[in-house]
Structure formats: C-alpha cells, structure tokens
Amino acid sequence: MTSDTSEYTVVKRDFKVTLVLEGTTTNSPAVGIDIPEGMVFKPSLTSGKDVQRGQILGTRDLDPGLSAIGSPGSATKQLTVLLQSWRGVVSSPVSGIAQVSKTRVAVTNPGIDAAAELTPLQQLRFRGHHFTGRASVETLFGQRDATCLAIWMNEAATPVPASSASGGPVPQASQGTDTGAAAAPGPGLRCRLGPEVATAAGLHATIRIDSETLPGAVVVPNVYVGYDLDKDTFFVNRRDGSTARKTPITVSSTDGVVRVVTSGITVGDRIAPLGE
C-alpha cells in the first residue's frame, strides 16, 4: 500500500466503520431516535400519540441555516454532505407513545437496552454514519446474540458502576446499571433489545455496530490529509515527479484512521507527508 514510510500510494477498497463496545444491560423507559446536530425533525403527528412499530413519525432534513453555510467544494460544505444520509422518512422502531419536537424524537416503550459509554471520537464516528447493530448478552438460557431494534445516542450521561466512580478500575467503554451509579462525562450508545430476549438489567453486554459499506472507495490515511483554514478546503500533497503539489480534495466518511476521498486524486497517485 505504501512504497516507503514517507509516501502513500492511493488505493481503492471497501470502506466500513465498526465499533465494538463493552457495557451492560439497563432498564429504559423509551427508545430514542437521533436527530444529529445540523438537522431538524419535521413530525407527521402530534406528540403524545400512540404509534405502532413501523409507523411513520416524520422526516429528518438539513437545518436550512446549516445548508446555507460554505461555498461549493469548501470543507464546511463537505462536512454537511455527511448529513445527507440521515435525511428521509423516520419510522418508529417500536410500538408506544411518540414524543416529538424539531430536535428530539422518542417513543415511550419500557424495556431493556444494552448500553455502553462512547468516547468523544466514537461519538463523532457514530454521528457520521448510519449503523445497524447486535448485542451479545446474558439471558436465562445462557449467552445470546440479539439484533438491536434501534440504536441511538442517549442524551444523558452514561452511568458507570459506583465502585468505578470511587476510584476502582474502569474498563474501556464501561457501562453500569441505572441504580447506585455515578454519571460518566459523556453520552452513551443504546441498543434496544427485543422483548423475546430473556435478560435482566445489570448484566454484561457486548455491542457491535456496523456502518453501511461503501464499495470501492478511494481512501487516504488521515495523517496525509490537511486542512487549509484560509480557503476552507481539505488537501493532500500529491507527488508530481520529485515535487509535492498541494492538491484540494473532496472528502467523505472517516473511521478515524483513513478518510474516503470522492474527488481530487485517483488510484495510484503518490501522496507525500504534510510536512513536505
């Protein structure tokens, strides 16, 4: 993939983001539906209405103020493009009572979630993609792998075990029960388990979420991608013979290691480090 340690040769490959999180099961009064920052929700019904699973709740769309920011090709505009995948009709993942506004959507439906803390970087990855997920949890019949009926980022801080808050070791992406727990510094991921999953709150859970796959994506390691503040553009130093030329690029998704590039460079181009 690279000709030496200081140069990268552009390749094309399938791109997908996967997060594996350790947490616990926890009681939950409702299922949330994410409205990412920069988007608004347009409800098709009034708050407090009974809804059935699969019933349309409304649509997600770009905030008109955000869509007006940045010129075509600018980094600001490119980042708003990532939100396009969130646009469209929103259906209820469960039956219950709809609670809707322009910035928050939830369906009251008591149940059990698999829950895990998200680091700030994991929060960014989550907001940049649509995910599906599964959770491995302890049940009455032993370990079971179950599909998440819904995945969302919980607004409140994810609880952690009180023993951890008192100075004990905290495992990566730890998550405790709702009872006797201290608040962690940030929000967490929730995966609603179906009623057929015979589990209880406070048990260990492993959550795996996967984004959609982008087949044949052109990718470049993030360390080779720069940002020009004055021009509001991303760029790479594309090698042209012995010269490294600053080349504007259009970017898309990232998994924190590599970034998808949609224009500006092609497969086989040689990219010099940003310092050159």
Protein backbone atom coordinates (compact mmCIF):
# COMPACT_ATOMS: atom_id res chain seq x y z
CA MET A 1 0.00 0.00 0.00
CA THR A 2 2.96 2.33 0.57
CA SER A 3 6.23 2.48 -1.35
CA ASP A 4 8.14 3.61 1.74
CA THR A 5 7.48 5.05 5.18
CA SER A 6 7.22 8.63 3.92
CA GLU A 7 4.91 8.20 0.94
CA TYR A 8 1.43 6.76 0.45
CA THR A 9 0.07 5.28 -2.78
CA VAL A 10 -3.68 5.85 -3.16
CA VAL A 11 -5.75 2.66 -3.22
CA LYS A 12 -9.40 1.71 -3.58
CA ARG A 13 -11.14 -0.66 -1.17
CA ASP A 14 -14.44 -1.32 0.53
CA PHE A 15 -14.93 1.02 3.48
CA LYS A 16 -16.93 0.33 6.64
CA VAL A 17 -16.85 1.56 10.22
CA THR A 18 -17.23 -1.00 13.01
CA LEU A 19 -17.36 -0.26 16.73
CA VAL A 20 -17.26 -2.96 19.43
CA LEU A 21 -18.26 -1.71 22.87
CA GLU A 22 -18.37 -3.34 26.28
CA GLY A 23 -21.28 -2.38 28.51
CA THR A 24 -24.22 -3.71 30.47
CA THR A 25 -27.95 -4.18 30.15
CA THR A 26 -30.09 -1.47 31.75
CA ASN A 27 -33.76 -0.64 32.23
CA SER A 28 -35.01 2.05 29.86
CA PRO A 29 -38.33 3.93 29.67
CA ALA A 30 -38.14 4.83 25.97
CA VAL A 31 -36.43 4.32 22.62
CA GLY A 32 -34.65 7.35 21.20
CA ILE A 33 -34.26 8.42 17.56
CA ASP A 34 -31.24 10.55 16.74
CA ILE A 35 -31.57 13.99 15.16
CA PRO A 36 -27.92 14.91 14.51
CA GLU A 37 -26.72 18.44 15.13
CA GLY A 38 -27.33 20.41 11.96
CA MET A 39 -30.62 18.66 11.22
CA VAL A 40 -34.26 19.24 12.13
CA PHE A 41 -37.18 16.87 12.51
CA LYS A 42 -40.49 17.53 10.75
CA PRO A 43 -43.13 15.49 12.61
CA SER A 44 -46.08 13.99 10.79
CA LEU A 45 -48.09 13.57 14.00
CA THR A 46 -48.53 15.33 17.31
CA SER A 47 -46.63 14.42 20.44
CA GLY A 48 -48.39 12.01 22.78
CA LYS A 49 -49.97 9.89 20.05
CA ASP A 50 -49.96 6.08 20.19
CA VAL A 51 -47.86 4.63 17.37
CA GLN A 52 -47.20 1.15 16.05
CA ARG A 53 -43.83 -0.27 15.09
CA GLY A 54 -43.07 0.79 11.53
CA GLN A 55 -45.44 3.76 11.59
CA ILE A 56 -44.07 6.95 10.05
CA LEU A 57 -43.20 9.61 12.64
CA GLY A 58 -41.94 12.32 10.29
CA THR A 59 -38.81 13.23 8.31
CA ARG A 60 -35.27 14.31 9.08
CA ASP A 61 -33.86 17.16 7.00
CA LEU A 62 -30.94 19.57 6.96
CA ASP A 63 -31.29 22.68 9.08
CA PRO A 64 -31.87 25.46 6.50
CA GLY A 65 -29.32 27.63 8.28
CA LEU A 66 -26.64 24.95 8.04
CA SER A 67 -27.22 24.21 4.36
CA ALA A 68 -26.50 27.85 3.54
CA ILE A 69 -23.03 27.76 5.13
CA GLY A 70 -19.92 27.40 2.98
CA SER A 71 -19.24 27.66 -0.72
CA PRO A 72 -19.35 24.61 -3.05
CA GLY A 73 -16.23 22.50 -2.51
CA SER A 74 -15.42 24.03 0.86
CA ALA A 75 -14.61 21.81 3.83
CA THR A 76 -17.61 23.23 5.68
CA LYS A 77 -19.89 22.25 2.82
CA GLN A 78 -18.26 18.82 2.52
CA LEU A 79 -18.95 18.07 6.17
CA THR A 80 -22.63 18.90 5.73
CA VAL A 81 -22.74 16.34 2.92
CA LEU A 82 -22.20 13.63 5.54
CA LEU A 83 -25.59 14.51 7.00
CA GLN A 84 -27.33 13.74 3.72
CA SER A 85 -27.51 10.04 4.61
CA TRP A 86 -29.65 10.95 7.63
CA ARG A 87 -32.28 12.70 5.52
CA GLY A 88 -35.60 11.00 4.87
CA VAL A 89 -38.60 9.35 6.45
CA VAL A 90 -38.33 8.21 10.08
CA SER A 91 -40.40 5.22 11.19
CA SER A 92 -40.99 4.09 14.75
CA PRO A 93 -38.74 1.14 15.69
CA VAL A 94 -41.18 0.04 18.42
CA SER A 95 -44.80 0.50 19.42
CA GLY A 96 -45.52 3.08 22.10
CA ILE A 97 -46.27 6.76 22.66
CA ALA A 98 -44.50 9.23 20.38
CA GLN A 99 -42.70 12.21 21.91
CA VAL A 100 -41.66 14.56 19.11
CA SER A 101 -40.20 18.03 18.57
CA LYS A 102 -37.93 19.64 15.99
CA THR A 103 -34.79 18.42 17.76
CA ARG A 104 -35.82 15.36 19.75
CA VAL A 105 -37.77 12.20 18.96
CA ALA A 106 -38.51 9.30 21.30
CA VAL A 107 -41.10 6.56 21.68
CA THR A 108 -42.14 5.70 25.22
CA ASN A 109 -41.76 1.94 25.50
CA PRO A 110 -40.29 0.44 28.69
CA GLY A 111 -37.75 -2.27 28.03
CA ILE A 112 -34.13 -3.29 28.38
CA ASP A 113 -31.25 -1.72 26.48
CA ALA A 114 -27.68 -2.83 26.04
CA ALA A 115 -25.76 0.34 26.87
CA ALA A 116 -22.14 1.45 26.60
CA GLU A 117 -20.14 4.63 27.04
CA LEU A 118 -18.83 6.37 23.92
CA THR A 119 -15.56 8.25 23.79
CA PRO A 120 -15.62 11.67 22.06
CA LEU A 121 -14.07 10.13 18.94
CA GLN A 122 -16.60 7.30 18.91
CA GLN A 123 -19.37 9.89 19.18
CA LEU A 124 -18.02 11.58 16.04
CA ARG A 125 -17.88 8.25 14.17
CA PHE A 126 -21.44 7.47 15.22
CA ARG A 127 -22.80 10.83 14.05
CA GLY A 128 -21.15 10.43 10.65
CA HIS A 129 -22.81 7.14 9.68
CA HIS A 130 -25.94 5.06 9.81
CA PHE A 131 -25.35 1.93 11.89
CA THR A 132 -27.03 -1.40 12.46
CA GLY A 133 -26.06 -3.49 15.43
CA ARG A 134 -26.22 -6.60 17.53
CA ALA A 135 -25.64 -7.22 21.22
CA SER A 136 -24.35 -10.31 22.95
CA VAL A 137 -25.99 -10.55 26.38
CA GLU A 138 -26.52 -12.98 29.24
CA THR A 139 -30.03 -14.47 29.33
CA LEU A 140 -31.97 -17.10 31.25
CA PHE A 141 -30.75 -19.60 28.65
CA GLY A 142 -27.11 -18.50 28.52
CA GLN A 143 -25.29 -16.12 26.22
CA ARG A 144 -27.37 -14.88 23.30
CA ASP A 145 -26.70 -12.73 20.24
CA ALA A 146 -29.62 -10.38 19.55
CA THR A 147 -30.39 -7.76 16.90
CA CYS A 148 -30.79 -4.17 18.10
CA LEU A 149 -34.33 -2.98 17.35
CA ALA A 150 -32.97 0.56 17.49
CA ILE A 151 -29.60 2.24 18.09
CA TRP A 152 -29.29 5.78 19.37
CA MET A 153 -27.07 8.08 21.38
CA ASN A 154 -28.51 8.65 24.83
CA GLU A 155 -28.70 12.34 25.74
CA ALA A 156 -27.91 11.82 29.42
CA ALA A 157 -24.52 10.77 30.69
CA THR A 158 -24.00 7.02 30.58
CA PRO A 159 -24.00 5.61 34.13
CA VAL A 160 -20.93 3.75 35.39
CA PRO A 161 -20.66 1.44 38.41
CA ALA A 162 -20.40 3.29 41.71
CA SER A 163 -17.25 1.29 42.55
CA SER A 164 -15.54 2.73 39.48
CA ALA A 165 -16.56 6.27 40.43
CA SER A 166 -14.97 5.69 43.83
CA GLY A 167 -11.55 5.05 42.37
CA GLY A 168 -11.74 1.46 41.14
CA PRO A 169 -10.59 0.47 37.66
CA VAL A 170 -12.90 1.46 34.83
CA PRO A 171 -12.77 -0.85 31.78
CA GLN A 172 -12.77 0.73 28.31
CA ALA A 173 -16.28 1.81 27.26
CA SER A 174 -17.59 0.67 30.65
CA GLN A 175 -21.28 0.88 31.48
CA GLY A 176 -23.10 0.16 34.70
CA THR A 177 -26.68 -0.18 35.84
CA ASP A 178 -29.01 2.73 36.47
CA THR A 179 -29.13 2.06 40.19
CA GLY A 180 -26.36 3.26 42.51
CA ALA A 181 -24.29 4.62 39.65
CA ALA A 182 -22.32 7.81 39.17
CA ALA A 183 -22.52 9.83 35.98
CA ALA A 184 -19.85 9.40 33.32
CA PRO A 185 -18.65 12.53 31.48
CA GLY A 186 -20.48 11.94 28.22
CA PRO A 187 -23.45 10.36 26.45
CA GLY A 188 -23.61 6.70 25.61
CA LEU A 189 -24.86 4.31 22.99
CA ARG A 190 -28.14 2.48 23.48
CA CYS A 191 -29.26 -0.71 21.73
CA ARG A 192 -32.88 -1.68 22.40
CA LEU A 193 -33.31 -5.42 22.88
CA GLY A 194 -36.47 -7.17 21.81
CA PRO A 195 -38.96 -8.47 24.40
CA GLU A 196 -38.07 -12.04 23.40
CA VAL A 197 -34.56 -11.59 24.85
CA ALA A 198 -34.94 -13.04 28.34
CA THR A 199 -32.39 -10.88 30.14
CA ALA A 200 -32.29 -8.51 33.10
CA ALA A 201 -30.69 -5.17 33.95
CA GLY A 202 -27.12 -5.10 35.24
CA LEU A 203 -25.66 -7.94 33.15
CA HIS A 204 -22.64 -7.74 30.87
CA ALA A 205 -23.25 -6.93 27.22
CA THR A 206 -21.03 -6.58 24.15
CA ILE A 207 -22.41 -4.32 21.43
CA ARG A 208 -21.14 -4.43 17.84
CA ILE A 209 -22.37 -1.80 15.39
CA ASP A 210 -21.51 -1.62 11.69
CA SER A 211 -21.97 1.22 9.26
CA GLU A 212 -23.11 0.82 5.68
CA THR A 213 -20.34 -0.43 3.35
CA LEU A 214 -19.01 1.91 0.68
CA PRO A 215 -17.72 -0.43 -2.06
CA GLY A 216 -14.59 0.53 -3.96
CA ALA A 217 -13.89 3.72 -2.03
CA VAL A 218 -10.73 5.77 -2.61
CA VAL A 219 -9.06 6.10 0.81
CA VAL A 220 -6.16 8.05 2.26
CA PRO A 221 -4.80 7.82 5.83
CA ASN A 222 -5.87 10.81 7.90
CA VAL A 223 -2.26 11.73 8.66
CA TYR A 224 -1.82 12.65 4.98
CA VAL A 225 -4.91 14.88 4.85
CA GLY A 226 -4.53 18.57 5.68
CA TYR A 227 -6.95 21.45 6.12
CA ASP A 228 -6.41 24.93 4.67
CA LEU A 229 -8.10 27.33 7.08
CA ASP A 230 -7.91 30.34 4.73
CA LYS A 231 -9.51 28.50 1.79
CA ASP A 232 -11.72 26.21 3.92
CA THR A 233 -10.61 23.15 1.95
CA PHE A 234 -9.04 19.77 2.64
CA PHE A 235 -5.89 18.92 0.70
CA VAL A 236 -3.10 16.39 0.21
CA ASN A 237 0.44 16.80 -1.10
CA ARG A 238 0.24 14.86 -4.38
CA ARG A 239 3.60 13.82 -5.78
CA ASP A 240 4.28 15.09 -9.30
CA GLY A 241 7.69 13.71 -10.20
CA SER A 242 10.02 14.96 -7.50
CA THR A 243 7.65 17.79 -6.49
CA ALA A 244 4.85 17.57 -3.90
CA ARG A 245 1.94 19.74 -5.03
CA LYS A 246 -0.80 20.90 -2.67
CA THR A 247 -3.96 19.40 -4.14
CA PRO A 248 -7.52 20.23 -2.94
CA ILE A 249 -9.69 17.16 -2.34
CA THR A 250 -13.32 16.45 -1.53
CA VAL A 251 -13.70 14.15 1.46
CA SER A 252 -16.43 11.99 2.89
CA SER A 253 -16.50 9.45 5.73
CA THR A 254 -13.69 8.52 8.07
CA ASP A 255 -13.15 5.71 10.54
CA GLY A 256 -10.55 7.71 12.42
CA VAL A 257 -7.67 6.03 10.57
CA VAL A 258 -8.43 6.57 6.88
CA ARG A 259 -10.67 9.05 5.08
CA VAL A 260 -12.76 8.46 1.97
CA VAL A 261 -11.86 10.89 -0.84
CA THR A 262 -14.51 11.48 -3.52
CA SER A 263 -12.57 13.78 -5.87
CA GLY A 264 -9.18 15.42 -6.39
CA ILE A 265 -6.99 12.31 -6.54
CA THR A 266 -7.12 8.89 -8.20
CA VAL A 267 -5.90 5.37 -7.52
CA GLY A 268 -2.14 5.14 -7.95
CA ASP A 269 -1.40 8.76 -7.05
CA ARG A 270 1.51 9.11 -4.67
CA ILE A 271 0.90 11.26 -1.60
CA ALA A 272 3.73 12.93 0.29
CA PRO A 273 3.61 13.69 4.04
CA LEU A 274 2.07 17.01 5.04
CA GLY A 275 5.44 18.35 6.15
CA GLU A 276 6.85 18.39 2.63
